[in-house]
Amino acid sequence: MTSEAGKSTPLKNITSDYHYHVVEADSENTLDMIQEALEEKGFLLEQEEWEKELFAK
């Protein structure tokens, strides 16, 4: 995003530090390892019910 002065604004400043990334891998095992590593670092949040429904599609 660009402000009126033409300077970029970090995404975290306009989304309350909350946004999504899609992670793909060749196997469930790899996805499990990625999820575990992200959880250990505190990067994953519990999804709200509406998010679970949205991403289940």
N, C-alpha and C. Protein backbone atom coordinates (compact mmCIF):
# COMPACT_ATOMS: atom_id res chain seq x y z
N MET A 1 0.84 -1.17 0.00
CA MET A 1 0.00 0.00 0.00
C MET A 1 0.89 1.23 0.00
N THR A 2 0.45 2.26 -0.69
CA THR A 2 1.23 3.49 -0.77
C THR A 2 0.42 4.64 -0.18
N SER A 3 1.04 5.42 0.66
CA SER A 3 0.37 6.58 1.26
C SER A 3 0.30 7.72 0.26
N GLU A 4 -0.39 8.80 0.63
CA GLU A 4 -0.52 9.95 -0.26
C GLU A 4 0.83 10.55 -0.63
N ALA A 5 1.79 10.47 0.27
CA ALA A 5 3.11 11.03 0.01
C ALA A 5 3.96 10.11 -0.86
N GLY A 6 3.41 8.95 -1.27
CA GLY A 6 4.14 8.03 -2.11
C GLY A 6 5.05 7.08 -1.35
N LYS A 7 4.91 7.04 -0.04
CA LYS A 7 5.73 6.13 0.77
C LYS A 7 4.94 4.86 1.05
N SER A 8 5.62 3.75 1.05
CA SER A 8 4.98 2.46 1.33
C SER A 8 4.64 2.33 2.80
N THR A 9 3.55 1.61 3.07
CA THR A 9 3.13 1.32 4.42
C THR A 9 3.22 -0.19 4.62
N PRO A 10 3.90 -0.65 5.65
CA PRO A 10 3.96 -2.10 5.89
C PRO A 10 2.57 -2.69 6.08
N LEU A 11 2.35 -3.87 5.52
CA LEU A 11 1.05 -4.54 5.63
C LEU A 11 0.60 -4.65 7.07
N LYS A 12 1.52 -4.94 7.98
CA LYS A 12 1.15 -5.13 9.38
C LYS A 12 0.53 -3.88 10.00
N ASN A 13 0.81 -2.72 9.44
CA ASN A 13 0.25 -1.48 9.97
C ASN A 13 -1.20 -1.27 9.58
N ILE A 14 -1.65 -1.94 8.54
CA ILE A 14 -3.03 -1.76 8.11
C ILE A 14 -3.90 -2.98 8.38
N THR A 15 -3.32 -4.05 8.91
CA THR A 15 -4.09 -5.27 9.19
C THR A 15 -3.99 -5.71 10.64
N SER A 16 -3.55 -4.84 11.52
CA SER A 16 -3.39 -5.17 12.94
C SER A 16 -2.48 -6.38 13.13
N ASP A 17 -1.43 -6.48 12.33
CA ASP A 17 -0.46 -7.58 12.40
C ASP A 17 -1.07 -8.94 12.04
N TYR A 18 -2.21 -8.96 11.40
CA TYR A 18 -2.93 -10.21 11.15
C TYR A 18 -3.18 -10.35 9.65
N HIS A 19 -2.59 -11.37 9.04
CA HIS A 19 -2.82 -11.65 7.64
C HIS A 19 -2.51 -13.12 7.37
N TYR A 20 -2.85 -13.57 6.19
CA TYR A 20 -2.73 -14.98 5.84
C TYR A 20 -1.63 -15.22 4.81
N HIS A 21 -1.09 -16.42 4.88
CA HIS A 21 -0.20 -16.92 3.84
C HIS A 21 -0.66 -18.32 3.49
N VAL A 22 -0.54 -18.70 2.25
CA VAL A 22 -0.86 -20.05 1.82
C VAL A 22 0.45 -20.83 1.75
N VAL A 23 0.45 -21.99 2.39
CA VAL A 23 1.64 -22.84 2.39
C VAL A 23 1.30 -24.11 1.64
N GLU A 24 2.12 -24.46 0.68
CA GLU A 24 1.94 -25.70 -0.07
C GLU A 24 3.20 -26.53 0.07
N ALA A 25 3.02 -27.85 0.02
CA ALA A 25 4.16 -28.76 0.11
C ALA A 25 3.82 -30.04 -0.65
N ASP A 26 4.84 -30.83 -0.89
CA ASP A 26 4.66 -32.08 -1.64
C ASP A 26 4.06 -33.20 -0.81
N SER A 27 4.03 -33.04 0.53
CA SER A 27 3.50 -34.11 1.36
C SER A 27 2.88 -33.56 2.64
N GLU A 28 1.99 -34.34 3.23
CA GLU A 28 1.38 -33.98 4.52
C GLU A 28 2.45 -33.91 5.60
N ASN A 29 3.44 -34.78 5.51
CA ASN A 29 4.53 -34.78 6.50
C ASN A 29 5.27 -33.44 6.49
N THR A 30 5.56 -32.94 5.31
CA THR A 30 6.24 -31.65 5.21
C THR A 30 5.36 -30.53 5.76
N LEU A 31 4.06 -30.56 5.43
CA LEU A 31 3.14 -29.56 5.98
C LEU A 31 3.09 -29.63 7.50
N ASP A 32 3.09 -30.84 8.04
CA ASP A 32 3.08 -31.00 9.50
C ASP A 32 4.33 -30.40 10.13
N MET A 33 5.48 -30.62 9.50
CA MET A 33 6.73 -30.06 10.02
C MET A 33 6.72 -28.53 9.97
N ILE A 34 6.19 -27.99 8.89
CA ILE A 34 6.10 -26.53 8.76
C ILE A 34 5.17 -25.97 9.82
N GLN A 35 4.02 -26.61 10.00
CA GLN A 35 3.06 -26.16 11.01
C GLN A 35 3.68 -26.20 12.40
N GLU A 36 4.37 -27.27 12.72
CA GLU A 36 5.01 -27.40 14.03
C GLU A 36 6.04 -26.28 14.25
N ALA A 37 6.85 -26.01 13.24
CA ALA A 37 7.87 -24.96 13.37
C ALA A 37 7.22 -23.59 13.56
N LEU A 38 6.15 -23.31 12.82
CA LEU A 38 5.46 -22.03 12.95
C LEU A 38 4.79 -21.90 14.32
N GLU A 39 4.22 -23.00 14.81
CA GLU A 39 3.61 -22.98 16.14
C GLU A 39 4.65 -22.72 17.22
N GLU A 40 5.80 -23.37 17.11
CA GLU A 40 6.87 -23.18 18.10
C GLU A 40 7.32 -21.73 18.17
N LYS A 41 7.29 -21.05 17.03
CA LYS A 41 7.71 -19.64 16.98
C LYS A 41 6.58 -18.68 17.34
N GLY A 42 5.39 -19.22 17.57
CA GLY A 42 4.25 -18.38 17.93
C GLY A 42 3.64 -17.62 16.76
N PHE A 43 3.83 -18.14 15.54
CA PHE A 43 3.34 -17.44 14.36
C PHE A 43 1.92 -17.82 13.96
N LEU A 44 1.37 -18.86 14.57
CA LEU A 44 0.03 -19.30 14.19
C LEU A 44 -0.98 -18.93 15.28
N LEU A 45 -2.14 -18.52 14.84
CA LEU A 45 -3.23 -18.19 15.75
C LEU A 45 -4.35 -19.19 15.54
N GLU A 46 -5.16 -19.37 16.56
CA GLU A 46 -6.35 -20.21 16.43
C GLU A 46 -7.33 -19.50 15.50
N GLN A 47 -7.86 -20.22 14.54
CA GLN A 47 -8.79 -19.62 13.60
C GLN A 47 -10.15 -19.41 14.26
N GLU A 48 -10.82 -18.33 13.86
CA GLU A 48 -12.20 -18.07 14.25
C GLU A 48 -13.09 -19.01 13.44
N GLU A 49 -14.33 -19.23 13.88
CA GLU A 49 -15.24 -20.12 13.17
C GLU A 49 -15.45 -19.69 11.72
N TRP A 50 -15.61 -18.39 11.48
CA TRP A 50 -15.85 -17.92 10.11
C TRP A 50 -14.64 -18.18 9.22
N GLU A 51 -13.44 -18.15 9.81
CA GLU A 51 -12.23 -18.42 9.03
C GLU A 51 -12.15 -19.90 8.66
N LYS A 52 -12.52 -20.76 9.60
CA LYS A 52 -12.52 -22.20 9.32
C LYS A 52 -13.47 -22.51 8.17
N GLU A 53 -14.65 -21.88 8.19
CA GLU A 53 -15.62 -22.10 7.11
C GLU A 53 -15.11 -21.55 5.78
N LEU A 54 -14.52 -20.37 5.82
CA LEU A 54 -14.02 -19.74 4.60
C LEU A 54 -12.92 -20.58 3.94
N PHE A 55 -11.97 -21.06 4.74
CA PHE A 55 -10.83 -21.77 4.19
C PHE A 55 -11.09 -23.26 3.98
N ALA A 56 -12.24 -23.75 4.40
CA ALA A 56 -12.59 -25.15 4.16
C ALA A 56 -13.09 -25.34 2.73
N LYS A 57 -13.43 -24.24 2.08
CA LYS A 57 -14.00 -24.31 0.72
C LYS A 57 -12.94 -24.58 -0.32
